[in-house]
Amino acid sequence: MGLSTAALAPHLKTFTQLGYLERVVPLSPRKSPRTAVVYRIADALLRFWFRFVEPESDSLRDLTPAQAFEQLVASQWDAFCGDGFERLCREALPLIYRRDGVSGRIQLGDYWERDMQIDVVGLRSDGWVDLGECRWRADAAVAVATDDITARAALYPAAGRTVARHVFLRSAPRAARREVRVHDLGELYSL
């Protein structure tokens, strides 16, 4: 945008207060002196607009709605829905805690480093941390997601906390490995 950090800060603050943007930092029990901060579009309609409509505004004039969806949206639709699914999973974690009788203070978020990302992080005041991998694709495999969250959990800076692993899938078979908890969309909606 060509603006200095100082000139951009009041605009970011205003858009965050209005609910259009969200300020996100990687959630970890350890505080890093150089914590990466990102701003994400928080409003679902704006995320859709800036991903699909605005970049293709010239092309959209010549297409029917069905053509526009097929040519401009369909190939990216699962990825777009996957972002929303990650948000849903983070929002569902406190409901899972309530159902399981977990009480106390919690912090919710996600975590990332240069070569690794964890979609769902729940820091609990009882010394536990819940880490989750989200998979929206209809053909997502429990075993692959389990292996991914296991590998990422080993890299997470848990700072002596007990780590619980979760896999969130659009639809999940009931037979899953015991070392992770598997949740699907039906369960999340029933909470």
N, C-alpha and C. Protein backbone atom coordinates (compact mmCIF):
# COMPACT_ATOMS: atom_id res chain seq x y z
N MET A 1 0.81 -1.20 0.00
CA MET A 1 0.00 0.00 0.00
C MET A 1 0.85 1.26 0.00
N GLY A 2 2.12 1.10 0.27
CA GLY A 2 3.00 2.26 0.27
C GLY A 2 2.91 3.09 1.54
N LEU A 3 2.29 2.57 2.58
CA LEU A 3 2.18 3.30 3.84
C LEU A 3 3.20 2.76 4.84
N SER A 4 3.70 3.66 5.67
CA SER A 4 4.61 3.23 6.73
C SER A 4 3.79 2.48 7.79
N THR A 5 4.49 1.76 8.63
CA THR A 5 3.82 1.03 9.71
C THR A 5 3.05 1.99 10.61
N ALA A 6 3.65 3.12 10.90
CA ALA A 6 2.99 4.11 11.77
C ALA A 6 1.73 4.66 11.12
N ALA A 7 1.75 4.89 9.82
CA ALA A 7 0.58 5.42 9.12
C ALA A 7 -0.52 4.37 8.98
N LEU A 8 -0.15 3.11 8.89
CA LEU A 8 -1.10 2.03 8.70
C LEU A 8 -1.78 1.62 10.01
N ALA A 9 -1.09 1.77 11.13
CA ALA A 9 -1.59 1.30 12.43
C ALA A 9 -2.99 1.80 12.79
N PRO A 10 -3.30 3.10 12.65
CA PRO A 10 -4.66 3.53 13.04
C PRO A 10 -5.75 2.93 12.16
N HIS A 11 -5.44 2.69 10.90
CA HIS A 11 -6.42 2.06 10.00
C HIS A 11 -6.67 0.61 10.40
N LEU A 12 -5.60 -0.11 10.70
CA LEU A 12 -5.74 -1.50 11.15
C LEU A 12 -6.55 -1.58 12.44
N LYS A 13 -6.29 -0.64 13.35
CA LYS A 13 -7.03 -0.62 14.62
C LYS A 13 -8.52 -0.36 14.37
N THR A 14 -8.84 0.58 13.50
CA THR A 14 -10.24 0.89 13.21
C THR A 14 -10.94 -0.29 12.57
N PHE A 15 -10.32 -0.91 11.55
CA PHE A 15 -10.94 -2.05 10.88
C PHE A 15 -11.08 -3.25 11.81
N THR A 16 -10.16 -3.39 12.75
CA THR A 16 -10.26 -4.46 13.74
C THR A 16 -11.42 -4.19 14.70
N GLN A 17 -11.55 -2.96 15.16
CA GLN A 17 -12.67 -2.61 16.05
C GLN A 17 -14.02 -2.78 15.38
N LEU A 18 -14.09 -2.53 14.09
CA LEU A 18 -15.34 -2.68 13.35
C LEU A 18 -15.67 -4.14 13.03
N GLY A 19 -14.71 -5.05 13.24
CA GLY A 19 -14.94 -6.47 12.99
C GLY A 19 -14.62 -6.90 11.57
N TYR A 20 -14.01 -6.03 10.78
CA TYR A 20 -13.64 -6.40 9.41
C TYR A 20 -12.32 -7.18 9.37
N LEU A 21 -11.42 -6.85 10.28
CA LEU A 21 -10.13 -7.53 10.38
C LEU A 21 -9.98 -8.14 11.76
N GLU A 22 -9.09 -9.13 11.86
CA GLU A 22 -8.72 -9.66 13.17
C GLU A 22 -7.20 -9.70 13.24
N ARG A 23 -6.69 -9.33 14.40
CA ARG A 23 -5.25 -9.37 14.66
C ARG A 23 -4.95 -10.73 15.26
N VAL A 24 -4.00 -11.46 14.67
CA VAL A 24 -3.74 -12.83 15.09
C VAL A 24 -2.24 -12.99 15.36
N VAL A 25 -1.93 -13.64 16.48
CA VAL A 25 -0.56 -14.01 16.82
C VAL A 25 -0.54 -15.52 17.06
N PRO A 26 0.58 -16.19 16.81
CA PRO A 26 0.65 -17.63 17.08
C PRO A 26 0.47 -17.89 18.58
N LEU A 27 -0.41 -18.81 18.92
CA LEU A 27 -0.74 -19.09 20.32
C LEU A 27 0.19 -20.17 20.86
N SER A 28 0.93 -19.80 21.89
CA SER A 28 1.90 -20.70 22.51
C SER A 28 2.05 -20.32 23.97
N PRO A 29 2.36 -21.29 24.86
CA PRO A 29 2.59 -20.94 26.26
C PRO A 29 3.86 -20.11 26.43
N ARG A 30 4.79 -20.25 25.50
CA ARG A 30 6.03 -19.47 25.56
C ARG A 30 5.85 -18.17 24.81
N LYS A 31 6.27 -17.08 25.39
CA LYS A 31 6.21 -15.78 24.73
C LYS A 31 7.52 -15.56 23.98
N SER A 32 7.39 -15.30 22.71
CA SER A 32 8.57 -15.07 21.88
C SER A 32 8.83 -13.57 21.82
N PRO A 33 10.11 -13.17 21.86
CA PRO A 33 10.39 -11.74 21.76
C PRO A 33 10.02 -11.17 20.38
N ARG A 34 10.00 -12.01 19.37
CA ARG A 34 9.65 -11.56 18.02
C ARG A 34 8.43 -12.33 17.53
N THR A 35 7.29 -12.03 18.11
CA THR A 35 6.07 -12.72 17.73
C THR A 35 5.56 -12.16 16.42
N ALA A 36 5.28 -13.05 15.49
CA ALA A 36 4.74 -12.64 14.21
C ALA A 36 3.27 -12.27 14.39
N VAL A 37 2.88 -11.14 13.85
CA VAL A 37 1.50 -10.69 13.90
C VAL A 37 0.99 -10.62 12.47
N VAL A 38 -0.20 -11.17 12.26
CA VAL A 38 -0.85 -11.05 10.94
C VAL A 38 -2.25 -10.49 11.16
N TYR A 39 -2.74 -9.85 10.15
CA TYR A 39 -4.12 -9.39 10.14
C TYR A 39 -4.86 -10.19 9.08
N ARG A 40 -6.03 -10.72 9.46
CA ARG A 40 -6.84 -11.51 8.55
C ARG A 40 -8.20 -10.82 8.38
N ILE A 41 -8.79 -11.03 7.23
CA ILE A 41 -10.15 -10.53 7.03
C ILE A 41 -11.07 -11.39 7.86
N ALA A 42 -11.79 -10.78 8.79
CA ALA A 42 -12.65 -11.52 9.72
C ALA A 42 -14.05 -11.75 9.17
N ASP A 43 -14.53 -10.86 8.36
CA ASP A 43 -15.89 -10.93 7.84
C ASP A 43 -15.96 -11.89 6.66
N ALA A 44 -16.85 -12.89 6.73
CA ALA A 44 -16.94 -13.92 5.69
C ALA A 44 -17.32 -13.33 4.33
N LEU A 45 -18.22 -12.38 4.31
CA LEU A 45 -18.62 -11.76 3.04
C LEU A 45 -17.45 -11.03 2.40
N LEU A 46 -16.68 -10.31 3.20
CA LEU A 46 -15.50 -9.62 2.66
C LEU A 46 -14.44 -10.61 2.19
N ARG A 47 -14.27 -11.73 2.90
CA ARG A 47 -13.31 -12.75 2.45
C ARG A 47 -13.73 -13.28 1.08
N PHE A 48 -15.02 -13.54 0.91
CA PHE A 48 -15.52 -14.01 -0.38
C PHE A 48 -15.31 -12.95 -1.45
N TRP A 49 -15.65 -11.72 -1.14
CA TRP A 49 -15.53 -10.62 -2.11
C TRP A 49 -14.09 -10.48 -2.59
N PHE A 50 -13.15 -10.39 -1.67
CA PHE A 50 -11.76 -10.15 -2.05
C PHE A 50 -11.08 -11.37 -2.65
N ARG A 51 -11.63 -12.55 -2.43
CA ARG A 51 -11.04 -13.74 -3.04
C ARG A 51 -11.60 -14.02 -4.42
N PHE A 52 -12.92 -13.82 -4.60
CA PHE A 52 -13.55 -14.24 -5.85
C PHE A 52 -14.10 -13.11 -6.71
N VAL A 53 -14.64 -12.08 -6.14
CA VAL A 53 -15.34 -11.06 -6.91
C VAL A 53 -14.41 -9.95 -7.38
N GLU A 54 -13.75 -9.28 -6.46
CA GLU A 54 -12.93 -8.12 -6.80
C GLU A 54 -11.83 -8.43 -7.82
N PRO A 55 -11.09 -9.53 -7.68
CA PRO A 55 -10.03 -9.80 -8.67
C PRO A 55 -10.58 -10.11 -10.08
N GLU A 56 -11.82 -10.51 -10.16
CA GLU A 56 -12.42 -10.91 -11.44
C GLU A 56 -13.55 -9.99 -11.87
N SER A 57 -13.60 -8.77 -11.35
CA SER A 57 -14.74 -7.90 -11.61
C SER A 57 -14.96 -7.64 -13.10
N ASP A 58 -13.91 -7.53 -13.89
CA ASP A 58 -14.07 -7.33 -15.33
C ASP A 58 -14.67 -8.56 -16.01
N SER A 59 -14.24 -9.75 -15.63
CA SER A 59 -14.73 -10.99 -16.23
C SER A 59 -16.18 -11.28 -15.84
N LEU A 60 -16.57 -10.89 -14.65
CA LEU A 60 -17.90 -11.21 -14.14
C LEU A 60 -19.02 -10.59 -14.97
N ARG A 61 -18.74 -9.46 -15.57
CA ARG A 61 -19.78 -8.77 -16.36
C ARG A 61 -20.25 -9.60 -17.55
N ASP A 62 -19.39 -10.44 -18.07
CA ASP A 62 -19.70 -11.21 -19.27
C ASP A 62 -20.15 -12.65 -18.98
N LEU A 63 -20.30 -13.01 -17.71
CA LEU A 63 -20.64 -14.39 -17.35
C LEU A 63 -22.00 -14.47 -16.66
N THR A 64 -22.67 -15.57 -16.87
CA THR A 64 -23.88 -15.84 -16.10
C THR A 64 -23.44 -16.28 -14.70
N PRO A 65 -24.35 -16.27 -13.73
CA PRO A 65 -23.95 -16.74 -12.39
C PRO A 65 -23.39 -18.17 -12.39
N ALA A 66 -23.99 -19.07 -13.17
CA ALA A 66 -23.50 -20.45 -13.22
C ALA A 66 -22.10 -20.51 -13.84
N GLN A 67 -21.88 -19.75 -14.90
CA GLN A 67 -20.56 -19.71 -15.52
C GLN A 67 -19.52 -19.11 -14.57
N ALA A 68 -19.91 -18.05 -13.87
CA ALA A 68 -18.99 -17.39 -12.94
C ALA A 68 -18.56 -18.38 -11.85
N PHE A 69 -19.53 -19.12 -11.31
CA PHE A 69 -19.18 -20.08 -10.27
C PHE A 69 -18.25 -21.15 -10.84
N GLU A 70 -18.62 -21.71 -11.97
CA GLU A 70 -17.84 -22.80 -12.56
C GLU A 70 -16.42 -22.36 -12.92
N GLN A 71 -16.28 -21.20 -13.52
CA GLN A 71 -14.98 -20.76 -14.03
C GLN A 71 -14.11 -20.07 -12.99
N LEU A 72 -14.73 -19.38 -12.03
CA LEU A 72 -13.94 -18.55 -11.12
C LEU A 72 -13.92 -19.03 -9.67
N VAL A 73 -14.93 -19.79 -9.27
CA VAL A 73 -15.06 -20.14 -7.85
C VAL A 73 -14.84 -21.63 -7.60
N ALA A 74 -15.40 -22.48 -8.43
CA ALA A 74 -15.47 -23.92 -8.14
C ALA A 74 -14.12 -24.53 -7.78
N SER A 75 -13.07 -24.18 -8.49
CA SER A 75 -11.77 -24.81 -8.24
C SER A 75 -11.17 -24.41 -6.88
N GLN A 76 -11.62 -23.29 -6.32
CA GLN A 76 -11.09 -22.81 -5.04
C GLN A 76 -12.09 -22.93 -3.89
N TRP A 77 -13.28 -23.47 -4.19
CA TRP A 77 -14.35 -23.49 -3.20
C TRP A 77 -13.99 -24.29 -1.95
N ASP A 78 -13.41 -25.48 -2.11
CA ASP A 78 -13.04 -26.28 -0.94
C ASP A 78 -12.03 -25.56 -0.06
N ALA A 79 -11.05 -24.90 -0.67
CA ALA A 79 -10.06 -24.16 0.12
C ALA A 79 -10.72 -23.00 0.87
N PHE A 80 -11.64 -22.31 0.22
CA PHE A 80 -12.36 -21.21 0.88
C PHE A 80 -13.18 -21.74 2.05
N CYS A 81 -13.90 -22.83 1.84
CA CYS A 81 -14.69 -23.43 2.92
C CYS A 81 -13.79 -23.98 4.02
N GLY A 82 -12.60 -24.47 3.66
CA GLY A 82 -11.66 -24.98 4.65
C GLY A 82 -11.25 -23.91 5.65
N ASP A 83 -11.06 -22.67 5.17
CA ASP A 83 -10.74 -21.57 6.10
C ASP A 83 -11.87 -21.36 7.11
N GLY A 84 -13.10 -21.38 6.63
CA GLY A 84 -14.24 -21.24 7.53
C GLY A 84 -14.37 -22.41 8.48
N PHE A 85 -14.05 -23.62 8.00
CA PHE A 85 -14.11 -24.81 8.85
C PHE A 85 -13.09 -24.71 9.99
N GLU A 86 -11.90 -24.19 9.70
CA GLU A 86 -10.91 -24.00 10.76
C GLU A 86 -11.45 -23.07 11.84
N ARG A 87 -12.09 -21.98 11.43
CA ARG A 87 -12.68 -21.05 12.40
C ARG A 87 -13.76 -21.75 13.24
N LEU A 88 -14.60 -22.53 12.56
CA LEU A 88 -15.65 -23.27 13.26
C LEU A 88 -15.05 -24.22 14.29
N CYS A 89 -13.99 -24.91 13.94
CA CYS A 89 -13.36 -25.86 14.86
C CYS A 89 -12.78 -25.15 16.08
N ARG A 90 -12.14 -23.99 15.87
CA ARG A 90 -11.63 -23.22 17.01
C ARG A 90 -12.78 -22.77 17.91
N GLU A 91 -13.88 -22.33 17.31
CA GLU A 91 -15.03 -21.88 18.09
C GLU A 91 -15.72 -23.04 18.81
N ALA A 92 -15.62 -24.25 18.27
CA ALA A 92 -16.27 -25.42 18.88
C ALA A 92 -15.48 -25.98 20.06
N LEU A 93 -14.19 -25.69 20.13
CA LEU A 93 -13.36 -26.29 21.19
C LEU A 93 -13.90 -25.99 22.60
N PRO A 94 -14.33 -24.76 22.92
CA PRO A 94 -14.90 -24.54 24.26
C PRO A 94 -16.17 -25.37 24.51
N LEU A 95 -16.93 -25.64 23.46
CA LEU A 95 -18.13 -26.46 23.61
C LEU A 95 -17.76 -27.92 23.86
N ILE A 96 -16.68 -28.38 23.23
CA ILE A 96 -16.17 -29.72 23.50
C ILE A 96 -15.70 -29.81 24.95
N TYR A 97 -15.00 -28.76 25.41
CA TYR A 97 -14.56 -28.72 26.81
C TYR A 97 -15.75 -28.80 27.76
N ARG A 98 -16.77 -28.01 27.49
CA ARG A 98 -17.95 -27.99 28.36
C ARG A 98 -18.60 -29.37 28.41
N ARG A 99 -18.74 -29.99 27.23
CA ARG A 99 -19.34 -31.33 27.18
C ARG A 99 -18.50 -32.34 27.97
N ASP A 100 -17.18 -32.19 27.92
CA ASP A 100 -16.27 -33.13 28.60
C ASP A 100 -16.02 -32.77 30.06
N GLY A 101 -16.62 -31.70 30.55
CA GLY A 101 -16.45 -31.31 31.94
C GLY A 101 -15.15 -30.59 32.24
N VAL A 102 -14.50 -30.06 31.23
CA VAL A 102 -13.26 -29.30 31.42
C VAL A 102 -13.64 -27.88 31.79
N SER A 103 -13.08 -27.39 32.88
CA SER A 103 -13.38 -26.02 33.29
C SER A 103 -12.07 -25.25 33.46
N GLY A 104 -12.19 -24.00 33.71
CA GLY A 104 -11.02 -23.15 33.88
C GLY A 104 -10.86 -22.22 32.69
N ARG A 105 -9.85 -21.42 32.76
CA ARG A 105 -9.59 -20.45 31.69
C ARG A 105 -8.97 -21.15 30.49
N ILE A 106 -9.33 -20.65 29.31
CA ILE A 106 -8.76 -21.16 28.07
C ILE A 106 -8.42 -20.00 27.15
N GLN A 107 -7.47 -20.24 26.30
CA GLN A 107 -7.14 -19.34 25.20
C GLN A 107 -7.25 -20.15 23.93
N LEU A 108 -7.84 -19.56 22.90
CA LEU A 108 -8.02 -20.25 21.63
C LEU A 108 -7.28 -19.51 20.53
N GLY A 109 -6.76 -20.28 19.58
CA GLY A 109 -6.10 -19.67 18.44
C GLY A 109 -5.51 -20.73 17.54
N ASP A 110 -4.49 -20.32 16.81
CA ASP A 110 -3.74 -21.24 15.98
C ASP A 110 -2.27 -20.93 16.16
N TYR A 111 -1.42 -21.70 15.54
CA TYR A 111 0.02 -21.54 15.72
C TYR A 111 0.71 -21.77 14.40
N TRP A 112 1.74 -20.98 14.15
CA TRP A 112 2.53 -21.19 12.95
C TRP A 112 3.97 -20.76 13.16
N GLU A 113 4.80 -21.39 12.43
CA GLU A 113 6.21 -21.04 12.30
C GLU A 113 6.50 -21.04 10.82
N ARG A 114 7.73 -20.86 10.46
CA ARG A 114 8.09 -20.78 9.04
C ARG A 114 7.61 -21.98 8.22
N ASP A 115 7.81 -23.18 8.71
CA ASP A 115 7.49 -24.39 7.93
C ASP A 115 6.42 -25.27 8.56
N MET A 116 5.62 -24.72 9.47
CA MET A 116 4.66 -25.56 10.18
C MET A 116 3.47 -24.71 10.63
N GLN A 117 2.28 -25.31 10.53
CA GLN A 117 1.07 -24.64 11.00
C GLN A 117 0.20 -25.63 11.75
N ILE A 118 -0.40 -25.17 12.85
CA ILE A 118 -1.38 -25.95 13.59
C ILE A 118 -2.67 -25.15 13.57
N ASP A 119 -3.75 -25.77 13.07
CA ASP A 119 -5.00 -25.06 12.82
C ASP A 119 -5.75 -24.66 14.09
N VAL A 120 -5.72 -25.51 15.10
CA VAL A 120 -6.48 -25.26 16.33
C VAL A 120 -5.55 -25.45 17.52
N VAL A 121 -5.51 -24.43 18.39
CA VAL A 121 -4.74 -24.52 19.63
C VAL A 121 -5.65 -24.06 20.77
N GLY A 122 -5.75 -24.86 21.78
CA GLY A 122 -6.47 -24.49 23.00
C GLY A 122 -5.54 -24.61 24.19
N LEU A 123 -5.16 -23.47 24.76
CA LEU A 123 -4.32 -23.46 25.97
C LEU A 123 -5.25 -23.44 27.17
N ARG A 124 -5.11 -24.43 28.03
CA ARG A 124 -5.99 -24.56 29.19
C ARG A 124 -5.22 -24.24 30.46
N SER A 125 -5.93 -23.67 31.43
CA SER A 125 -5.29 -23.31 32.70
C SER A 125 -4.95 -24.52 33.55
N ASP A 126 -5.43 -25.71 33.17
CA ASP A 126 -5.14 -26.92 33.95
C ASP A 126 -3.85 -27.62 33.50
N GLY A 127 -3.05 -26.96 32.65
CA GLY A 127 -1.77 -27.54 32.24
C GLY A 127 -1.82 -28.35 30.97
N TRP A 128 -2.95 -28.38 30.31
CA TRP A 128 -3.09 -29.10 29.04
C TRP A 128 -3.07 -28.11 27.89
N VAL A 129 -2.69 -28.61 26.72
CA VAL A 129 -2.84 -27.87 25.48
C VAL A 129 -3.45 -28.84 24.46
N ASP A 130 -4.49 -28.37 23.78
CA ASP A 130 -5.14 -29.17 22.74
C ASP A 130 -4.70 -28.64 21.39
N LEU A 131 -4.22 -29.54 20.53
CA LEU A 131 -3.77 -29.17 19.19
C LEU A 131 -4.64 -29.92 18.18
N GLY A 132 -5.08 -29.21 17.16
CA GLY A 132 -5.97 -29.83 16.20
C GLY A 132 -5.62 -29.57 14.75
N GLU A 133 -5.85 -30.58 13.94
CA GLU A 133 -5.67 -30.52 12.48
C GLU A 133 -7.06 -30.55 11.85
N CYS A 134 -7.34 -29.62 10.95
CA CYS A 134 -8.64 -29.54 10.29
C CYS A 134 -8.52 -29.95 8.83
N ARG A 135 -9.45 -30.76 8.38
CA ARG A 135 -9.49 -31.20 6.98
C ARG A 135 -10.91 -31.08 6.46
N TRP A 136 -11.14 -30.18 5.53
CA TRP A 136 -12.47 -29.98 4.99
C TRP A 136 -12.78 -30.90 3.82
N ARG A 137 -11.76 -31.29 3.08
CA ARG A 137 -12.01 -32.08 1.87
C ARG A 137 -12.80 -33.34 2.20
N ALA A 138 -13.72 -33.69 1.31
CA ALA A 138 -14.59 -34.85 1.53
C ALA A 138 -13.80 -36.16 1.60
N ASP A 139 -12.66 -36.21 0.91
CA ASP A 139 -11.88 -37.45 0.87
C ASP A 139 -10.72 -37.46 1.88
N ALA A 140 -10.78 -36.58 2.89
CA ALA A 140 -9.70 -36.52 3.87
C ALA A 140 -9.63 -37.82 4.67
N ALA A 141 -8.42 -38.31 4.85
CA ALA A 141 -8.20 -39.58 5.55
C ALA A 141 -7.81 -39.31 7.01
N VAL A 142 -8.43 -40.04 7.91
CA VAL A 142 -8.14 -39.90 9.34
C VAL A 142 -6.68 -40.22 9.61
N ALA A 143 -6.16 -41.27 9.00
CA ALA A 143 -4.78 -41.70 9.28
C ALA A 143 -3.77 -40.63 8.87
N VAL A 144 -3.98 -40.01 7.73
CA VAL A 144 -3.05 -38.97 7.26
C VAL A 144 -3.13 -37.75 8.17
N ALA A 145 -4.34 -37.33 8.53
CA ALA A 145 -4.50 -36.18 9.42
C ALA A 145 -3.90 -36.48 10.80
N THR A 146 -4.06 -37.72 11.27
CA THR A 146 -3.48 -38.12 12.55
C THR A 146 -1.96 -38.05 12.51
N ASP A 147 -1.38 -38.55 11.44
CA ASP A 147 0.07 -38.49 11.29
C ASP A 147 0.55 -37.03 11.25
N ASP A 148 -0.20 -36.18 10.55
CA ASP A 148 0.19 -34.76 10.45
C ASP A 148 0.15 -34.07 11.80
N ILE A 149 -0.94 -34.25 12.56
CA ILE A 149 -1.02 -33.56 13.85
C ILE A 149 -0.01 -34.14 14.83
N THR A 150 0.30 -35.42 14.72
CA THR A 150 1.32 -36.01 15.59
C THR A 150 2.69 -35.40 15.32
N ALA A 151 3.03 -35.25 14.04
CA ALA A 151 4.32 -34.65 13.68
C ALA A 151 4.38 -33.19 14.11
N ARG A 152 3.30 -32.46 13.92
CA ARG A 152 3.29 -31.04 14.28
C ARG A 152 3.29 -30.84 15.79
N ALA A 153 2.60 -31.73 16.51
CA ALA A 153 2.58 -31.63 17.97
C ALA A 153 3.98 -31.80 18.55
N ALA A 154 4.79 -32.63 17.90
CA ALA A 154 6.17 -32.83 18.38
C ALA A 154 7.00 -31.56 18.23
N LEU A 155 6.62 -30.67 17.32
CA LEU A 155 7.36 -29.43 17.10
C LEU A 155 6.79 -28.24 17.87
N TYR A 156 5.60 -28.40 18.44
CA TYR A 156 4.94 -27.30 19.14
C TYR A 156 5.64 -27.03 20.47
N PRO A 157 5.88 -25.76 20.80
CA PRO A 157 6.56 -25.43 22.07
C PRO A 157 5.60 -25.53 23.26
N ALA A 158 5.34 -26.72 23.73
CA ALA A 158 4.33 -26.97 24.76
C ALA A 158 4.75 -26.49 26.15
N ALA A 159 6.01 -26.24 26.36
CA ALA A 159 6.51 -25.71 27.64
C ALA A 159 6.05 -26.55 28.83
N GLY A 160 6.20 -27.87 28.72
CA GLY A 160 5.88 -28.76 29.83
C GLY A 160 4.41 -29.10 29.99
N ARG A 161 3.57 -28.64 29.13
CA ARG A 161 2.13 -28.96 29.20
C ARG A 161 1.87 -30.34 28.60
N THR A 162 0.80 -30.97 29.03
CA THR A 162 0.36 -32.22 28.45
C THR A 162 -0.39 -31.90 27.17
N VAL A 163 -0.05 -32.59 26.09
CA VAL A 163 -0.62 -32.30 24.78
C VAL A 163 -1.68 -33.33 24.43
N ALA A 164 -2.86 -32.84 24.05
CA ALA A 164 -3.92 -33.68 23.51
C ALA A 164 -4.08 -33.33 22.04
N ARG A 165 -4.25 -34.34 21.20
CA ARG A 165 -4.35 -34.13 19.75
C ARG A 165 -5.76 -34.41 19.27
N HIS A 166 -6.20 -33.56 18.34
CA HIS A 166 -7.54 -33.67 17.77
C HIS A 166 -7.44 -33.60 16.25
N VAL A 167 -8.35 -34.30 15.59
CA VAL A 167 -8.50 -34.21 14.14
C VAL A 167 -9.95 -33.83 13.88
N PHE A 168 -10.14 -32.78 13.09
CA PHE A 168 -11.47 -32.31 12.73
C PHE A 168 -11.67 -32.56 11.24
N LEU A 169 -12.70 -33.33 10.89
CA LEU A 169 -12.98 -33.67 9.50
C LEU A 169 -14.43 -33.32 9.15
N ARG A 170 -14.68 -33.08 7.86
CA ARG A 170 -16.05 -32.82 7.43
C ARG A 170 -16.94 -34.01 7.80
N SER A 171 -16.50 -35.19 7.45
CA SER A 171 -17.19 -36.41 7.88
C SER A 171 -16.11 -37.43 8.21
N ALA A 172 -16.29 -38.08 9.33
CA ALA A 172 -15.24 -38.98 9.81
C ALA A 172 -15.83 -40.35 10.09
N PRO A 173 -15.10 -41.39 9.74
CA PRO A 173 -15.53 -42.73 10.13
C PRO A 173 -15.37 -42.88 11.64
N ARG A 174 -16.16 -43.68 12.24
CA ARG A 174 -16.09 -43.86 13.69
C ARG A 174 -14.85 -44.63 14.11
N ALA A 175 -14.31 -45.46 13.25
CA ALA A 175 -13.10 -46.20 13.60
C ALA A 175 -11.90 -45.29 13.38
N ALA A 176 -11.23 -44.94 14.44
CA ALA A 176 -10.06 -44.06 14.35
C ALA A 176 -9.02 -44.50 15.37
N ARG A 177 -7.83 -43.99 15.20
CA ARG A 177 -6.77 -44.31 16.15
C ARG A 177 -7.10 -43.72 17.52
N ARG A 178 -6.70 -44.41 18.54
CA ARG A 178 -7.02 -43.97 19.90
C ARG A 178 -6.17 -42.80 20.37
N GLU A 179 -5.04 -42.57 19.77
CA GLU A 179 -4.16 -41.52 20.29
C GLU A 179 -4.61 -40.11 19.94
N VAL A 180 -5.63 -39.98 19.11
CA VAL A 180 -6.19 -38.67 18.80
C VAL A 180 -7.71 -38.74 18.93
N ARG A 181 -8.31 -37.60 19.20
CA ARG A 181 -9.77 -37.50 19.21
C ARG A 181 -10.20 -37.02 17.84
N VAL A 182 -11.17 -37.69 17.27
CA VAL A 182 -11.67 -37.35 15.94
C VAL A 182 -13.05 -36.73 16.08
N HIS A 183 -13.22 -35.56 15.45
CA HIS A 183 -14.48 -34.84 15.48
C HIS A 183 -14.91 -34.59 14.04
N ASP A 184 -16.22 -34.63 13.80
CA ASP A 184 -16.70 -34.30 12.46
C ASP A 184 -17.76 -33.21 12.54
N LEU A 185 -18.18 -32.74 11.38
CA LEU A 185 -19.11 -31.63 11.29
C LEU A 185 -20.41 -31.92 12.02
N GLY A 186 -20.92 -33.14 11.90
CA GLY A 186 -22.14 -33.50 12.61
C GLY A 186 -22.01 -33.33 14.12
N GLU A 187 -20.88 -33.78 14.66
CA GLU A 187 -20.65 -33.62 16.10
C GLU A 187 -20.57 -32.15 16.47
N LEU A 188 -19.86 -31.35 15.68
CA LEU A 188 -19.69 -29.93 16.00
C LEU A 188 -21.04 -29.21 16.00
N TYR A 189 -21.90 -29.56 15.04
CA TYR A 189 -23.22 -28.93 15.01
C TYR A 189 -24.09 -29.38 16.17
N SER A 190 -23.87 -30.57 16.68
CA SER A 190 -24.70 -31.06 17.79
C SER A 190 -24.30 -30.47 19.14
N LEU A 191 -23.14 -29.83 19.18
CA LEU A 191 -22.68 -29.25 20.44
C LEU A 191 -23.53 -28.04 20.76
